[in-house]
Amino acid sequence: MAEHPPVIVYPPSATGGRRVTVHGQIVGLAHGRGEVAALLRSAGFAPGPDKVVELDRPGLIEWRGGDLDTWE
């Protein structure tokens, strides 16, 4: 059985937000890339002092129901 990445961003809801989970736990509802990055920084996924989160890094995030540009 294949393992999922630690972060999953679910398809957009009727309001446009996307549920974000880390290791199976809901960490928030994002309405854009910046909010996904902020949730992941809070969860410790931004190594180094510059706090950059690579939202397109395979193995880190699974985007369901669209990619990082899909919000509606």
PDB file of N, CA and C in Angstrom:
ATOM      1  N   MET A   1       0.840  -1.183   0.000  1.00  0.00           N
ATOM      2  CA  MET A   1       0.000   0.000   0.000  1.00  0.00           C
ATOM      3  C   MET A   1       0.885   1.246   0.000  1.00  0.00           C
ATOM      4  N   ALA A   2       0.614   2.171  -0.918  1.00  0.00           N
ATOM      5  CA  ALA A   2       1.414   3.384  -1.030  1.00  0.00           C
ATOM      6  C   ALA A   2       1.088   4.349   0.108  1.00  0.00           C
ATOM      7  N   GLU A   3       2.117   4.987   0.579  1.00  0.00           N
ATOM      8  CA  GLU A   3       1.921   5.984   1.635  1.00  0.00           C
ATOM      9  C   GLU A   3       1.640   7.341   1.019  1.00  0.00           C
ATOM     10  N   HIS A   4       0.856   8.126   1.724  1.00  0.00           N
ATOM     11  CA  HIS A   4       0.572   9.492   1.292  1.00  0.00           C
ATOM     12  C   HIS A   4       1.638  10.419   1.868  1.00  0.00           C
ATOM     13  N   PRO A   5       1.847  11.572   1.219  1.00  0.00           N
ATOM     14  CA  PRO A   5       2.737  12.578   1.799  1.00  0.00           C
ATOM     15  C   PRO A   5       2.169  13.034   3.146  1.00  0.00           C
ATOM     16  N   PRO A   6       2.994  13.661   3.976  1.00  0.00           N
ATOM     17  CA  PRO A   6       2.508  14.093   5.296  1.00  0.00           C
ATOM     18  C   PRO A   6       1.426  15.174   5.230  1.00  0.00           C
ATOM     19  N   VAL A   7       1.403  15.949   4.146  1.00  0.00           N
ATOM     20  CA  VAL A   7       0.436  17.045   4.020  1.00  0.00           C
ATOM     21  C   VAL A   7      -0.530  16.723   2.881  1.00  0.00           C
ATOM     22  N   ILE A   8      -1.826  16.870   3.165  1.00  0.00           N
ATOM     23  CA  ILE A   8      -2.839  16.694   2.126  1.00  0.00           C
ATOM     24  C   ILE A   8      -3.706  17.945   2.095  1.00  0.00           C
ATOM     25  N   VAL A   9      -3.859  18.499   0.891  1.00  0.00           N
ATOM     26  CA  VAL A   9      -4.753  19.632   0.666  1.00  0.00           C
ATOM     27  C   VAL A   9      -5.930  19.079  -0.128  1.00  0.00           C
ATOM     28  N   TYR A  10      -7.109  19.149   0.466  1.00  0.00           N
ATOM     29  CA  TYR A  10      -8.309  18.547  -0.099  1.00  0.00           C
ATOM     30  C   TYR A  10      -8.957  19.458  -1.139  1.00  0.00           C
ATOM     31  N   PRO A  11      -9.886  18.909  -1.944  1.00  0.00           N
ATOM     32  CA  PRO A  11     -10.565  19.715  -2.973  1.00  0.00           C
ATOM     33  C   PRO A  11     -11.280  20.914  -2.367  1.00  0.00           C
ATOM     34  N   PRO A  12     -11.471  21.950  -3.173  1.00  0.00           N
ATOM     35  CA  PRO A  12     -12.169  23.139  -2.685  1.00  0.00           C
ATOM     36  C   PRO A  12     -13.585  22.814  -2.214  1.00  0.00           C
ATOM     37  N   SER A  13     -13.984  23.459  -1.125  1.00  0.00           N
ATOM     38  CA  SER A  13     -15.356  23.312  -0.629  1.00  0.00           C
ATOM     39  C   SER A  13     -16.246  24.287  -1.395  1.00  0.00           C
ATOM     40  N   ALA A  14     -17.506  24.300  -1.072  1.00  0.00           N
ATOM     41  CA  ALA A  14     -18.453  25.216  -1.725  1.00  0.00           C
ATOM     42  C   ALA A  14     -18.073  26.678  -1.500  1.00  0.00           C
ATOM     43  N   THR A  15     -17.371  26.964  -0.400  1.00  0.00           N
ATOM     44  CA  THR A  15     -16.955  28.333  -0.098  1.00  0.00           C
ATOM     45  C   THR A  15     -15.598  28.670  -0.700  1.00  0.00           C
ATOM     46  N   GLY A  16     -14.949  27.685  -1.329  1.00  0.00           N
ATOM     47  CA  GLY A  16     -13.654  27.926  -1.963  1.00  0.00           C
ATOM     48  C   GLY A  16     -12.469  27.564  -1.101  1.00  0.00           C
ATOM     49  N   GLY A  17     -12.680  27.341   0.182  1.00  0.00           N
ATOM     50  CA  GLY A  17     -11.577  26.959   1.054  1.00  0.00           C
ATOM     51  C   GLY A  17     -11.200  25.504   0.858  1.00  0.00           C
ATOM     52  N   ARG A  18      -9.955  25.186   1.179  1.00  0.00           N
ATOM     53  CA  ARG A  18      -9.476  23.813   1.069  1.00  0.00           C
ATOM     54  C   ARG A  18      -8.945  23.361   2.425  1.00  0.00           C
ATOM     55  N   ARG A  19      -9.458  22.225   2.895  1.00  0.00           N
ATOM     56  CA  ARG A  19      -9.015  21.651   4.167  1.00  0.00           C
ATOM     57  C   ARG A  19      -7.579  21.176   4.017  1.00  0.00           C
ATOM     58  N   VAL A  20      -6.785  21.413   5.044  1.00  0.00           N
ATOM     59  CA  VAL A  20      -5.377  21.014   5.042  1.00  0.00           C
ATOM     60  C   VAL A  20      -5.136  20.114   6.246  1.00  0.00           C
ATOM     61  N   THR A  21      -4.548  18.936   5.980  1.00  0.00           N
ATOM     62  CA  THR A  21      -4.197  18.037   7.073  1.00  0.00           C
ATOM     63  C   THR A  21      -2.698  17.789   7.079  1.00  0.00           C
ATOM     64  N   VAL A  22      -2.171  17.549   8.273  1.00  0.00           N
ATOM     65  CA  VAL A  22      -0.773  17.176   8.464  1.00  0.00           C
ATOM     66  C   VAL A  22      -0.771  15.902   9.287  1.00  0.00           C
ATOM     67  N   HIS A  23      -0.220  14.854   8.711  1.00  0.00           N
ATOM     68  CA  HIS A  23      -0.196  13.538   9.363  1.00  0.00           C
ATOM     69  C   HIS A  23      -1.589  13.132   9.842  1.00  0.00           C
ATOM     70  N   GLY A  24      -2.606  13.408   8.998  1.00  0.00           N
ATOM     71  CA  GLY A  24      -3.967  12.988   9.295  1.00  0.00           C
ATOM     72  C   GLY A  24      -4.753  13.906  10.218  1.00  0.00           C
ATOM     73  N   GLN A  25      -4.131  14.958  10.721  1.00  0.00           N
ATOM     74  CA  GLN A  25      -4.806  15.902  11.615  1.00  0.00           C
ATOM     75  C   GLN A  25      -5.137  17.193  10.865  1.00  0.00           C
ATOM     76  N   ILE A  26      -6.371  17.659  10.985  1.00  0.00           N
ATOM     77  CA  ILE A  26      -6.755  18.916  10.334  1.00  0.00           C
ATOM     78  C   ILE A  26      -6.028  20.072  11.013  1.00  0.00           C
ATOM     79  N   VAL A  27      -5.335  20.886  10.193  1.00  0.00           N
ATOM     80  CA  VAL A  27      -4.631  22.051  10.740  1.00  0.00           C
ATOM     81  C   VAL A  27      -5.288  23.358  10.327  1.00  0.00           C
ATOM     82  N   GLY A  28      -6.241  23.294   9.397  1.00  0.00           N
ATOM     83  CA  GLY A  28      -6.947  24.514   9.035  1.00  0.00           C
ATOM     84  C   GLY A  28      -7.609  24.441   7.687  1.00  0.00           C
ATOM     85  N   LEU A  29      -8.230  25.559   7.328  1.00  0.00           N
ATOM     86  CA  LEU A  29      -8.903  25.731   6.046  1.00  0.00           C
ATOM     87  C   LEU A  29      -8.205  26.886   5.343  1.00  0.00           C
ATOM     88  N   ALA A  30      -7.666  26.613   4.169  1.00  0.00           N
ATOM     89  CA  ALA A  30      -6.926  27.634   3.425  1.00  0.00           C
ATOM     90  C   ALA A  30      -7.748  28.139   2.253  1.00  0.00           C
ATOM     91  N   HIS A  31      -7.592  29.436   1.963  1.00  0.00           N
ATOM     92  CA  HIS A  31      -8.286  30.047   0.829  1.00  0.00           C
ATOM     93  C   HIS A  31      -7.293  30.538  -0.214  1.00  0.00           C
ATOM     94  N   GLY A  32      -6.057  30.107  -0.116  1.00  0.00           N
ATOM     95  CA  GLY A  32      -5.033  30.495  -1.081  1.00  0.00           C
ATOM     96  C   GLY A  32      -3.693  29.906  -0.686  1.00  0.00           C
ATOM     97  N   ARG A  33      -2.728  30.044  -1.603  1.00  0.00           N
ATOM     98  CA  ARG A  33      -1.385  29.503  -1.368  1.00  0.00           C
ATOM     99  C   ARG A  33      -0.757  30.024  -0.080  1.00  0.00           C
ATOM    100  N   GLY A  34      -0.909  31.321   0.142  1.00  0.00           N
ATOM    101  CA  GLY A  34      -0.302  31.936   1.322  1.00  0.00           C
ATOM    102  C   GLY A  34      -0.803  31.323   2.623  1.00  0.00           C
ATOM    103  N   GLU A  35      -2.090  31.000   2.658  1.00  0.00           N
ATOM    104  CA  GLU A  35      -2.643  30.388   3.866  1.00  0.00           C
ATOM    105  C   GLU A  35      -2.153  28.956   4.045  1.00  0.00           C
ATOM    106  N   VAL A  36      -1.970  28.219   2.929  1.00  0.00           N
ATOM    107  CA  VAL A  36      -1.395  26.877   3.039  1.00  0.00           C
ATOM    108  C   VAL A  36       0.021  26.988   3.591  1.00  0.00           C
ATOM    109  N   ALA A  37       0.811  27.894   3.048  1.00  0.00           N
ATOM    110  CA  ALA A  37       2.188  28.087   3.516  1.00  0.00           C
ATOM    111  C   ALA A  37       2.218  28.458   4.995  1.00  0.00           C
ATOM    112  N   ALA A  38       1.324  29.345   5.422  1.00  0.00           N
ATOM    113  CA  ALA A  38       1.290  29.751   6.833  1.00  0.00           C
ATOM    114  C   ALA A  38       0.946  28.566   7.738  1.00  0.00           C
ATOM    115  N   LEU A  39      -0.015  27.739   7.321  1.00  0.00           N
ATOM    116  CA  LEU A  39      -0.372  26.562   8.118  1.00  0.00           C
ATOM    117  C   LEU A  39       0.819  25.604   8.228  1.00  0.00           C
ATOM    118  N   LEU A  40       1.553  25.439   7.140  1.00  0.00           N
ATOM    119  CA  LEU A  40       2.698  24.530   7.167  1.00  0.00           C
ATOM    120  C   LEU A  40       3.866  25.095   7.958  1.00  0.00           C
ATOM    121  N   ARG A  41       4.060  26.416   7.908  1.00  0.00           N
ATOM    122  CA  ARG A  41       5.094  27.029   8.761  1.00  0.00           C
ATOM    123  C   ARG A  41       4.749  26.793  10.226  1.00  0.00           C
ATOM    124  N   SER A  42       3.489  26.961  10.577  1.00  0.00           N
ATOM    125  CA  SER A  42       3.056  26.742  11.965  1.00  0.00           C
ATOM    126  C   SER A  42       3.253  25.294  12.391  1.00  0.00           C
ATOM    127  N   ALA A  43       3.150  24.376  11.418  1.00  0.00           N
ATOM    128  CA  ALA A  43       3.311  22.950  11.715  1.00  0.00           C
ATOM    129  C   ALA A  43       4.776  22.508  11.656  1.00  0.00           C
ATOM    130  N   GLY A  44       5.691  23.449  11.388  1.00  0.00           N
ATOM    131  CA  GLY A  44       7.116  23.130  11.397  1.00  0.00           C
ATOM    132  C   GLY A  44       7.690  22.637  10.081  1.00  0.00           C
ATOM    133  N   PHE A  45       7.022  22.908   8.957  1.00  0.00           N
ATOM    134  CA  PHE A  45       7.500  22.446   7.655  1.00  0.00           C
ATOM    135  C   PHE A  45       8.312  23.486   6.903  1.00  0.00           C
ATOM    136  N   ALA A  46       8.861  24.456   7.579  1.00  0.00           N
ATOM    137  CA  ALA A  46       9.670  25.473   6.918  1.00  0.00           C
ATOM    138  C   ALA A  46      11.071  25.469   7.533  1.00  0.00           C
ATOM    139  N   PRO A  47      11.954  24.636   6.991  1.00  0.00           N
ATOM    140  CA  PRO A  47      13.305  24.576   7.541  1.00  0.00           C
ATOM    141  C   PRO A  47      14.093  25.845   7.224  1.00  0.00           C
ATOM    142  N   GLY A  48      15.003  26.165   8.088  1.00  0.00           N
ATOM    143  CA  GLY A  48      15.883  27.306   7.852  1.00  0.00           C
ATOM    144  C   GLY A  48      15.275  28.627   8.263  1.00  0.00           C
ATOM    145  N   PRO A  49      16.128  29.636   8.311  1.00  0.00           N
ATOM    146  CA  PRO A  49      15.697  30.951   8.794  1.00  0.00           C
ATOM    147  C   PRO A  49      14.767  31.709   7.848  1.00  0.00           C
ATOM    148  N   ASP A  50      14.773  31.366   6.554  1.00  0.00           N
ATOM    149  CA  ASP A  50      13.942  32.124   5.626  1.00  0.00           C
ATOM    150  C   ASP A  50      12.491  31.674   5.637  1.00  0.00           C
ATOM    151  N   LYS A  51      12.202  30.529   6.265  1.00  0.00           N
ATOM    152  CA  LYS A  51      10.828  30.039   6.447  1.00  0.00           C
ATOM    153  C   LYS A  51      10.062  29.878   5.138  1.00  0.00           C
ATOM    154  N   VAL A  52      10.735  29.401   4.095  1.00  0.00           N
ATOM    155  CA  VAL A  52      10.090  29.169   2.800  1.00  0.00           C
ATOM    156  C   VAL A  52       9.520  27.757   2.771  1.00  0.00           C
ATOM    157  N   VAL A  53       8.274  27.635   2.341  1.00  0.00           N
ATOM    158  CA  VAL A  53       7.626  26.338   2.202  1.00  0.00           C
ATOM    159  C   VAL A  53       7.451  26.072   0.707  1.00  0.00           C
ATOM    160  N   GLU A  54       7.984  24.953   0.235  1.00  0.00           N
ATOM    161  CA  GLU A  54       7.859  24.591  -1.176  1.00  0.00           C
ATOM    162  C   GLU A  54       6.533  23.868  -1.388  1.00  0.00           C
ATOM    163  N   LEU A  55       5.544  24.593  -1.887  1.00  0.00           N
ATOM    164  CA  LEU A  55       4.198  24.046  -2.032  1.00  0.00           C
ATOM    165  C   LEU A  55       4.071  23.054  -3.188  1.00  0.00           C
ATOM    166  N   ASP A  56       5.070  23.007  -4.058  1.00  0.00           N
ATOM    167  CA  ASP A  56       5.016  22.082  -5.193  1.00  0.00           C
ATOM    168  C   ASP A  56       6.014  20.932  -5.045  1.00  0.00           C
ATOM    169  N   ARG A  57       6.526  20.726  -3.843  1.00  0.00           N
ATOM    170  CA  ARG A  57       7.520  19.674  -3.619  1.00  0.00           C
ATOM    171  C   ARG A  57       6.856  18.302  -3.529  1.00  0.00           C
ATOM    172  N   PRO A  58       7.139  17.409  -4.485  1.00  0.00           N
ATOM    173  CA  PRO A  58       6.592  16.050  -4.410  1.00  0.00           C
ATOM    174  C   PRO A  58       7.077  15.363  -3.133  1.00  0.00           C
ATOM    175  N   GLY A  59       6.237  14.553  -2.580  1.00  0.00           N
ATOM    176  CA  GLY A  59       6.596  13.861  -1.356  1.00  0.00           C
ATOM    177  C   GLY A  59       6.232  14.633  -0.100  1.00  0.00           C
ATOM    178  N   LEU A  60       5.947  15.931  -0.222  1.00  0.00           N
ATOM    179  CA  LEU A  60       5.546  16.737   0.931  1.00  0.00           C
ATOM    180  C   LEU A  60       4.044  16.962   0.938  1.00  0.00           C
ATOM    181  N   ILE A  61       3.492  17.377  -0.216  1.00  0.00           N
ATOM    182  CA  ILE A  61       2.078  17.744  -0.289  1.00  0.00           C
ATOM    183  C   ILE A  61       1.384  16.963  -1.393  1.00  0.00           C
ATOM    184  N   GLU A  62       0.209  16.450  -1.062  1.00  0.00           N
ATOM    185  CA  GLU A  62      -0.665  15.846  -2.067  1.00  0.00           C
ATOM    186  C   GLU A  62      -1.831  16.801  -2.268  1.00  0.00           C
ATOM    187  N   TRP A  63      -1.971  17.316  -3.486  1.00  0.00           N
ATOM    188  CA  TRP A  63      -3.057  18.232  -3.827  1.00  0.00           C
ATOM    189  C   TRP A  63      -4.186  17.412  -4.433  1.00  0.00           C
ATOM    190  N   ARG A  64      -5.313  17.354  -3.776  1.00  0.00           N
ATOM    191  CA  ARG A  64      -6.458  16.588  -4.268  1.00  0.00           C
ATOM    192  C   ARG A  64      -7.492  17.533  -4.854  1.00  0.00           C
ATOM    193  N   GLY A  65      -8.078  17.134  -5.982  1.00  0.00           N
ATOM    194  CA  GLY A  65      -9.127  17.951  -6.593  1.00  0.00           C
ATOM    195  C   GLY A  65      -8.605  19.207  -7.249  1.00  0.00           C
ATOM    196  N   GLY A  66      -7.374  19.194  -7.677  1.00  0.00           N
ATOM    197  CA  GLY A  66      -6.764  20.336  -8.321  1.00  0.00           C
ATOM    198  C   GLY A  66      -5.378  20.596  -7.762  1.00  0.00           C
ATOM    199  N   ASP A  67      -4.663  21.498  -8.394  1.00  0.00           N
ATOM    200  CA  ASP A  67      -3.312  21.794  -7.960  1.00  0.00           C
ATOM    201  C   ASP A  67      -3.278  23.046  -7.079  1.00  0.00           C
ATOM    202  N   LEU A  68      -2.095  23.594  -6.875  1.00  0.00           N
ATOM    203  CA  LEU A  68      -1.966  24.743  -5.965  1.00  0.00           C
ATOM    204  C   LEU A  68      -2.588  26.014  -6.517  1.00  0.00           C
ATOM    205  N   ASP A  69      -3.055  25.987  -7.771  1.00  0.00           N
ATOM    206  CA  ASP A  69      -3.738  27.139  -8.343  1.00  0.00           C
ATOM    207  C   ASP A  69      -5.261  26.975  -8.369  1.00  0.00           C
ATOM    208  N   THR A  70      -5.780  25.883  -7.821  1.00  0.00           N
ATOM    209  CA  THR A  70      -7.215  25.595  -7.847  1.00  0.00           C
ATOM    210  C   THR A  70      -7.842  25.967  -6.513  1.00  0.00           C
ATOM    211  N   TRP A  71      -8.706  26.989  -6.520  1.00  0.00           N
ATOM    212  CA  TRP A  71      -9.334  27.454  -5.278  1.00  0.00           C
ATOM    213  C   TRP A  71     -10.836  27.599  -5.383  1.00  0.00           C
ATOM    214  N   GLU A  72     -11.427  27.370  -6.524  1.00  0.00           N
ATOM    215  CA  GLU A  72     -12.880  27.494  -6.671  1.00  0.00           C
ATOM    216  C   GLU A  72     -13.455  26.219  -7.236  1.00  0.00           C
TER     217      GLU A  72
END
